[in-house]
């Protein structure tokens, strides 16, 4: 399943919408996503599973790039 992860680059950063980054990741579930990102210094704000029309919409975005972790 594909997940959309919204995060700040540093754990110490206070979440500010203008600084929020997005990445797309393939994983089994939300717990698996968190395990895969555990070694990175990210402050994860939100993890959203994508499927169906939501996934198709995100794929049309120029920023859609599936991370390999």
PDB file of N, CA and C in Angstrom:
ATOM      1  N   UNK A   1       0.845  -1.172   0.000  1.00  0.00           N
ATOM      2  CA  UNK A   1       0.000   0.000   0.000  1.00  0.00           C
ATOM      3  C   UNK A   1       0.895   1.241   0.000  1.00  0.00           C
ATOM      4  N   UNK A   2       0.430   2.304  -0.593  1.00  0.00           N
ATOM      5  CA  UNK A   2       1.173   3.558  -0.677  1.00  0.00           C
ATOM      6  C   UNK A   2       0.660   4.510   0.401  1.00  0.00           C
ATOM      7  N   UNK A   3       1.615   5.177   1.069  1.00  0.00           N
ATOM      8  CA  UNK A   3       1.278   6.136   2.117  1.00  0.00           C
ATOM      9  C   UNK A   3       1.860   7.494   1.781  1.00  0.00           C
ATOM     10  N   UNK A   4       1.120   8.537   2.125  1.00  0.00           N
ATOM     11  CA  UNK A   4       1.588   9.914   1.986  1.00  0.00           C
ATOM     12  C   UNK A   4       1.984  10.373   3.383  1.00  0.00           C
ATOM     13  N   UNK A   5       3.228  10.839   3.518  1.00  0.00           N
ATOM     14  CA  UNK A   5       3.746  11.251   4.816  1.00  0.00           C
ATOM     15  C   UNK A   5       4.051  12.747   4.771  1.00  0.00           C
ATOM     16  N   UNK A   6       3.461  13.482   5.711  1.00  0.00           N
ATOM     17  CA  UNK A   6       3.731  14.907   5.858  1.00  0.00           C
ATOM     18  C   UNK A   6       4.661  15.064   7.051  1.00  0.00           C
ATOM     19  N   UNK A   7       5.750  15.820   6.874  1.00  0.00           N
ATOM     20  CA  UNK A   7       6.751  15.898   7.931  1.00  0.00           C
ATOM     21  C   UNK A   7       7.539  17.201   7.874  1.00  0.00           C
ATOM     22  N   UNK A   8       8.223  17.494   8.974  1.00  0.00           N
ATOM     23  CA  UNK A   8       9.207  18.562   9.050  1.00  0.00           C
ATOM     24  C   UNK A   8      10.572  17.885   8.970  1.00  0.00           C
ATOM     25  N   UNK A   9      11.562  18.545   8.407  1.00  0.00           N
ATOM     26  CA  UNK A   9      12.871  17.916   8.219  1.00  0.00           C
ATOM     27  C   UNK A   9      13.617  17.640   9.519  1.00  0.00           C
ATOM     28  N   UNK A  10      13.339  18.390  10.562  1.00  0.00           N
ATOM     29  CA  UNK A  10      14.026  18.203  11.836  1.00  0.00           C
ATOM     30  C   UNK A  10      13.004  17.983  12.954  1.00  0.00           C
ATOM     31  N   UNK A  11      13.310  17.060  13.860  1.00  0.00           N
ATOM     32  CA  UNK A  11      12.394  16.775  14.971  1.00  0.00           C
ATOM     33  C   UNK A  11      12.205  17.977  15.881  1.00  0.00           C
ATOM     34  N   UNK A  12      13.214  18.843  15.951  1.00  0.00           N
ATOM     35  CA  UNK A  12      13.149  20.001  16.835  1.00  0.00           C
ATOM     36  C   UNK A  12      12.259  21.114  16.291  1.00  0.00           C
ATOM     37  N   UNK A  13      11.927  21.053  15.020  1.00  0.00           N
ATOM     38  CA  UNK A  13      11.118  22.105  14.399  1.00  0.00           C
ATOM     39  C   UNK A  13       9.664  22.022  14.849  1.00  0.00           C
ATOM     40  N   UNK A  14       9.105  23.178  15.078  1.00  0.00           N
ATOM     41  CA  UNK A  14       7.677  23.263  15.344  1.00  0.00           C
ATOM     42  C   UNK A  14       6.980  23.161  13.988  1.00  0.00           C
ATOM     43  N   UNK A  15       5.934  22.340  13.867  1.00  0.00           N
ATOM     44  CA  UNK A  15       5.263  22.215  12.576  1.00  0.00           C
ATOM     45  C   UNK A  15       4.711  23.553  12.063  1.00  0.00           C
ATOM     46  N   UNK A  16       5.174  23.943  10.900  1.00  0.00           N
ATOM     47  CA  UNK A  16       4.711  25.147  10.220  1.00  0.00           C
ATOM     48  C   UNK A  16       4.320  24.714   8.817  1.00  0.00           C
ATOM     49  N   UNK A  17       3.117  25.020   8.422  1.00  0.00           N
ATOM     50  CA  UNK A  17       2.589  24.555   7.137  1.00  0.00           C
ATOM     51  C   UNK A  17       3.524  24.860   5.975  1.00  0.00           C
ATOM     52  N   UNK A  18       4.120  26.045   5.975  1.00  0.00           N
ATOM     53  CA  UNK A  18       4.990  26.438   4.860  1.00  0.00           C
ATOM     54  C   UNK A  18       6.268  25.595   4.777  1.00  0.00           C
ATOM     55  N   UNK A  19       6.660  24.953   5.872  1.00  0.00           N
ATOM     56  CA  UNK A  19       7.878  24.146   5.897  1.00  0.00           C
ATOM     57  C   UNK A  19       7.595  22.651   5.791  1.00  0.00           C
ATOM     58  N   UNK A  20       6.349  22.283   5.685  1.00  0.00           N
ATOM     59  CA  UNK A  20       5.991  20.873   5.632  1.00  0.00           C
ATOM     60  C   UNK A  20       6.419  20.250   4.311  1.00  0.00           C
ATOM     61  N   UNK A  21       7.089  19.109   4.409  1.00  0.00           N
ATOM     62  CA  UNK A  21       7.535  18.337   3.254  1.00  0.00           C
ATOM     63  C   UNK A  21       6.611  17.129   3.089  1.00  0.00           C
ATOM     64  N   UNK A  22       6.589  16.556   1.903  1.00  0.00           N
ATOM     65  CA  UNK A  22       5.770  15.377   1.616  1.00  0.00           C
ATOM     66  C   UNK A  22       6.630  14.302   0.985  1.00  0.00           C
ATOM     67  N   UNK A  23       6.392  13.063   1.400  1.00  0.00           N
ATOM     68  CA  UNK A  23       7.016  11.943   0.706  1.00  0.00           C
ATOM     69  C   UNK A  23       5.990  10.828   0.588  1.00  0.00           C
ATOM     70  N   UNK A  24       6.189  10.009  -0.421  1.00  0.00           N
ATOM     71  CA  UNK A  24       5.305   8.881  -0.683  1.00  0.00           C
ATOM     72  C   UNK A  24       6.120   7.614  -0.477  1.00  0.00           C
ATOM     73  N   UNK A  25       5.529   6.671   0.249  1.00  0.00           N
ATOM     74  CA  UNK A  25       6.266   5.488   0.664  1.00  0.00           C
ATOM     75  C   UNK A  25       5.383   4.258   0.560  1.00  0.00           C
ATOM     76  N   UNK A  26       5.965   3.172   0.088  1.00  0.00           N
ATOM     77  CA  UNK A  26       5.230   1.910   0.028  1.00  0.00           C
ATOM     78  C   UNK A  26       5.544   1.117   1.293  1.00  0.00           C
ATOM     79  N   UNK A  27       4.485   0.664   1.987  1.00  0.00           N
ATOM     80  CA  UNK A  27       4.646  -0.089   3.226  1.00  0.00           C
ATOM     81  C   UNK A  27       3.407  -0.933   3.471  1.00  0.00           C
ATOM     82  N   UNK A  28       3.497  -1.826   4.462  1.00  0.00           N
ATOM     83  CA  UNK A  28       2.362  -2.697   4.796  1.00  0.00           C
ATOM     84  C   UNK A  28       1.288  -1.978   5.591  1.00  0.00           C
ATOM     85  N   UNK A  29       1.707  -1.129   6.545  1.00  0.00           N
ATOM     86  CA  UNK A  29       0.769  -0.394   7.393  1.00  0.00           C
ATOM     87  C   UNK A  29       1.472   0.820   7.988  1.00  0.00           C
ATOM     88  N   UNK A  30       0.767   1.597   8.815  1.00  0.00           N
ATOM     89  CA  UNK A  30       1.319   2.819   9.398  1.00  0.00           C
ATOM     90  C   UNK A  30       2.511   2.483  10.290  1.00  0.00           C
ATOM     91  N   UNK A  31       2.434   1.402  11.033  1.00  0.00           N
ATOM     92  CA  UNK A  31       3.545   0.991  11.899  1.00  0.00           C
ATOM     93  C   UNK A  31       4.802   0.736  11.068  1.00  0.00           C
ATOM     94  N   UNK A  32       4.639   0.103   9.920  1.00  0.00           N
ATOM     95  CA  UNK A  32       5.753  -0.170   9.020  1.00  0.00           C
ATOM     96  C   UNK A  32       6.356   1.129   8.490  1.00  0.00           C
ATOM     97  N   UNK A  33       5.521   2.108   8.195  1.00  0.00           N
ATOM     98  CA  UNK A  33       5.998   3.418   7.736  1.00  0.00           C
ATOM     99  C   UNK A  33       6.867   4.043   8.818  1.00  0.00           C
ATOM    100  N   UNK A  34       6.384   4.022  10.054  1.00  0.00           N
ATOM    101  CA  UNK A  34       7.142   4.616  11.166  1.00  0.00           C
ATOM    102  C   UNK A  34       8.479   3.899  11.382  1.00  0.00           C
ATOM    103  N   UNK A  35       8.495   2.575  11.226  1.00  0.00           N
ATOM    104  CA  UNK A  35       9.751   1.820  11.348  1.00  0.00           C
ATOM    105  C   UNK A  35      10.747   2.244  10.276  1.00  0.00           C
ATOM    106  N   UNK A  36      10.252   2.397   9.051  1.00  0.00           N
ATOM    107  CA  UNK A  36      11.123   2.757   7.938  1.00  0.00           C
ATOM    108  C   UNK A  36      11.695   4.165   8.091  1.00  0.00           C
ATOM    109  N   UNK A  37      10.951   5.050   8.745  1.00  0.00           N
ATOM    110  CA  UNK A  37      11.392   6.439   8.908  1.00  0.00           C
ATOM    111  C   UNK A  37      12.091   6.687  10.246  1.00  0.00           C
ATOM    112  N   UNK A  38      12.203   5.688  11.094  1.00  0.00           N
ATOM    113  CA  UNK A  38      12.754   5.849  12.442  1.00  0.00           C
ATOM    114  C   UNK A  38      14.179   6.394  12.457  1.00  0.00           C
ATOM    115  N   UNK A  39      14.994   6.028  11.494  1.00  0.00           N
ATOM    116  CA  UNK A  39      16.384   6.467  11.472  1.00  0.00           C
ATOM    117  C   UNK A  39      16.572   7.866  10.883  1.00  0.00           C
ATOM    118  N   UNK A  40      15.552   8.406  10.311  1.00  0.00           N
ATOM    119  CA  UNK A  40      15.635   9.751   9.740  1.00  0.00           C
ATOM    120  C   UNK A  40      15.217  10.772  10.801  1.00  0.00           C
ATOM    121  N   UNK A  41      15.774  11.971  10.757  1.00  0.00           N
ATOM    122  CA  UNK A  41      15.476  12.979  11.794  1.00  0.00           C
ATOM    123  C   UNK A  41      14.171  13.744  11.561  1.00  0.00           C
ATOM    124  N   UNK A  42      13.165  13.096  11.012  1.00  0.00           N
ATOM    125  CA  UNK A  42      11.925  13.769  10.648  1.00  0.00           C
ATOM    126  C   UNK A  42      10.967  13.900  11.830  1.00  0.00           C
ATOM    127  N   UNK A  43      10.223  14.999  11.826  1.00  0.00           N
ATOM    128  CA  UNK A  43       9.114  15.188  12.747  1.00  0.00           C
ATOM    129  C   UNK A  43       7.852  14.882  11.934  1.00  0.00           C
ATOM    130  N   UNK A  44       7.366  13.647  12.031  1.00  0.00           N
ATOM    131  CA  UNK A  44       6.223  13.204  11.225  1.00  0.00           C
ATOM    132  C   UNK A  44       4.952  13.828  11.770  1.00  0.00           C
ATOM    133  N   UNK A  45       4.228  14.530  10.912  1.00  0.00           N
ATOM    134  CA  UNK A  45       2.980  15.181  11.296  1.00  0.00           C
ATOM    135  C   UNK A  45       1.779  14.274  11.042  1.00  0.00           C
ATOM    136  N   UNK A  46       1.775  13.629   9.866  1.00  0.00           N
ATOM    137  CA  UNK A  46       0.587  12.882   9.464  1.00  0.00           C
ATOM    138  C   UNK A  46       0.967  11.805   8.454  1.00  0.00           C
ATOM    139  N   UNK A  47       0.354  10.640   8.598  1.00  0.00           N
ATOM    140  CA  UNK A  47       0.549   9.545   7.646  1.00  0.00           C
ATOM    141  C   UNK A  47      -0.825   9.168   7.102  1.00  0.00           C
ATOM    142  N   UNK A  48      -0.969   9.245   5.781  1.00  0.00           N
ATOM    143  CA  UNK A  48      -2.253   8.988   5.141  1.00  0.00           C
ATOM    144  C   UNK A  48      -2.132   7.844   4.145  1.00  0.00           C
ATOM    145  N   UNK A  49      -2.920   6.782   4.329  1.00  0.00           N
ATOM    146  CA  UNK A  49      -2.919   5.713   3.320  1.00  0.00           C
ATOM    147  C   UNK A  49      -3.610   6.208   2.045  1.00  0.00           C
ATOM    148  N   UNK A  50      -3.062   5.846   0.906  1.00  0.00           N
ATOM    149  CA  UNK A  50      -3.636   6.254  -0.384  1.00  0.00           C
ATOM    150  C   UNK A  50      -4.051   5.027  -1.173  1.00  0.00           C
ATOM    151  N   UNK A  51      -5.249   5.074  -1.698  1.00  0.00           N
ATOM    152  CA  UNK A  51      -5.722   4.004  -2.570  1.00  0.00           C
ATOM    153  C   UNK A  51      -6.823   4.559  -3.469  1.00  0.00           C
ATOM    154  N   UNK A  52      -7.143   3.814  -4.482  1.00  0.00           N
ATOM    155  CA  UNK A  52      -8.228   4.193  -5.383  1.00  0.00           C
ATOM    156  C   UNK A  52      -8.024   5.538  -6.041  1.00  0.00           C
ATOM    157  N   UNK A  53      -9.074   6.357  -6.025  1.00  0.00           N
ATOM    158  CA  UNK A  53      -9.041   7.662  -6.682  1.00  0.00           C
ATOM    159  C   UNK A  53      -8.074   8.629  -6.013  1.00  0.00           C
ATOM    160  N   UNK A  54      -7.881   8.493  -4.694  1.00  0.00           N
ATOM    161  CA  UNK A  54      -6.935   9.359  -3.999  1.00  0.00           C
ATOM    162  C   UNK A  54      -5.513   9.112  -4.504  1.00  0.00           C
ATOM    163  N   UNK A  55      -5.156   7.857  -4.690  1.00  0.00           N
ATOM    164  CA  UNK A  55      -3.834   7.503  -5.197  1.00  0.00           C
ATOM    165  C   UNK A  55      -3.675   7.973  -6.642  1.00  0.00           C
ATOM    166  N   UNK A  56      -4.688   7.782  -7.450  1.00  0.00           N
ATOM    167  CA  UNK A  56      -4.627   8.229  -8.849  1.00  0.00           C
ATOM    168  C   UNK A  56      -4.436   9.743  -8.936  1.00  0.00           C
ATOM    169  N   UNK A  57      -5.127  10.478  -8.063  1.00  0.00           N
ATOM    170  CA  UNK A  57      -4.988  11.936  -8.040  1.00  0.00           C
ATOM    171  C   UNK A  57      -3.556  12.338  -7.671  1.00  0.00           C
ATOM    172  N   UNK A  58      -2.993  11.720  -6.632  1.00  0.00           N
ATOM    173  CA  UNK A  58      -1.636  12.039  -6.190  1.00  0.00           C
ATOM    174  C   UNK A  58      -0.606  11.690  -7.263  1.00  0.00           C
ATOM    175  N   UNK A  59      -0.830  10.612  -8.008  1.00  0.00           N
ATOM    176  CA  UNK A  59       0.097  10.210  -9.064  1.00  0.00           C
ATOM    177  C   UNK A  59       0.185  11.257 -10.170  1.00  0.00           C
ATOM    178  N   UNK A  60      -0.855  12.044 -10.365  1.00  0.00           N
ATOM    179  CA  UNK A  60      -0.872  13.082 -11.392  1.00  0.00           C
ATOM    180  C   UNK A  60      -0.030  14.291 -10.993  1.00  0.00           C
ATOM    181  N   UNK A  61       0.274  14.404  -9.696  1.00  0.00           N
ATOM    182  CA  UNK A  61       1.064  15.521  -9.198  1.00  0.00           C
ATOM    183  C   UNK A  61       2.503  15.409  -9.677  1.00  0.00           C
ATOM    184  N   UNK A  62       3.119  16.530  -9.997  1.00  0.00           N
ATOM    185  CA  UNK A  62       4.514  16.538 -10.435  1.00  0.00           C
ATOM    186  C   UNK A  62       5.454  16.153  -9.298  1.00  0.00           C
ATOM    187  N   UNK A  63       5.006  16.297  -8.053  1.00  0.00           N
ATOM    188  CA  UNK A  63       5.828  15.985  -6.888  1.00  0.00           C
ATOM    189  C   UNK A  63       5.750  14.511  -6.476  1.00  0.00           C
ATOM    190  N   UNK A  64       4.909  13.723  -7.123  1.00  0.00           N
ATOM    191  CA  UNK A  64       4.755  12.322  -6.747  1.00  0.00           C
ATOM    192  C   UNK A  64       5.993  11.530  -7.142  1.00  0.00           C
ATOM    193  N   UNK A  65       6.680  11.002  -6.128  1.00  0.00           N
ATOM    194  CA  UNK A  65       7.856  10.173  -6.335  1.00  0.00           C
ATOM    195  C   UNK A  65       7.868   9.153  -5.205  1.00  0.00           C
ATOM    196  N   UNK A  66       7.746   7.897  -5.545  1.00  0.00           N
ATOM    197  CA  UNK A  66       7.689   6.830  -4.553  1.00  0.00           C
ATOM    198  C   UNK A  66       9.087   6.552  -4.014  1.00  0.00           C
ATOM    199  N   UNK A  67       9.264   6.742  -2.696  1.00  0.00           N
ATOM    200  CA  UNK A  67      10.564   6.520  -2.031  1.00  0.00           C
ATOM    201  C   UNK A  67      10.819   5.025  -1.873  1.00  0.00           C
ATOM    202  N   UNK A  68      12.054   4.629  -2.003  1.00  0.00           N
ATOM    203  CA  UNK A  68      12.470   3.249  -1.780  1.00  0.00           C
ATOM    204  C   UNK A  68      13.279   3.203  -0.498  1.00  0.00           C
ATOM    205  N   UNK A  69      12.680   2.665   0.549  1.00  0.00           N
ATOM    206  CA  UNK A  69      13.373   2.546   1.846  1.00  0.00           C
ATOM    207  C   UNK A  69      13.366   1.097   2.268  1.00  0.00           C
TER     208      UNK A  69
END
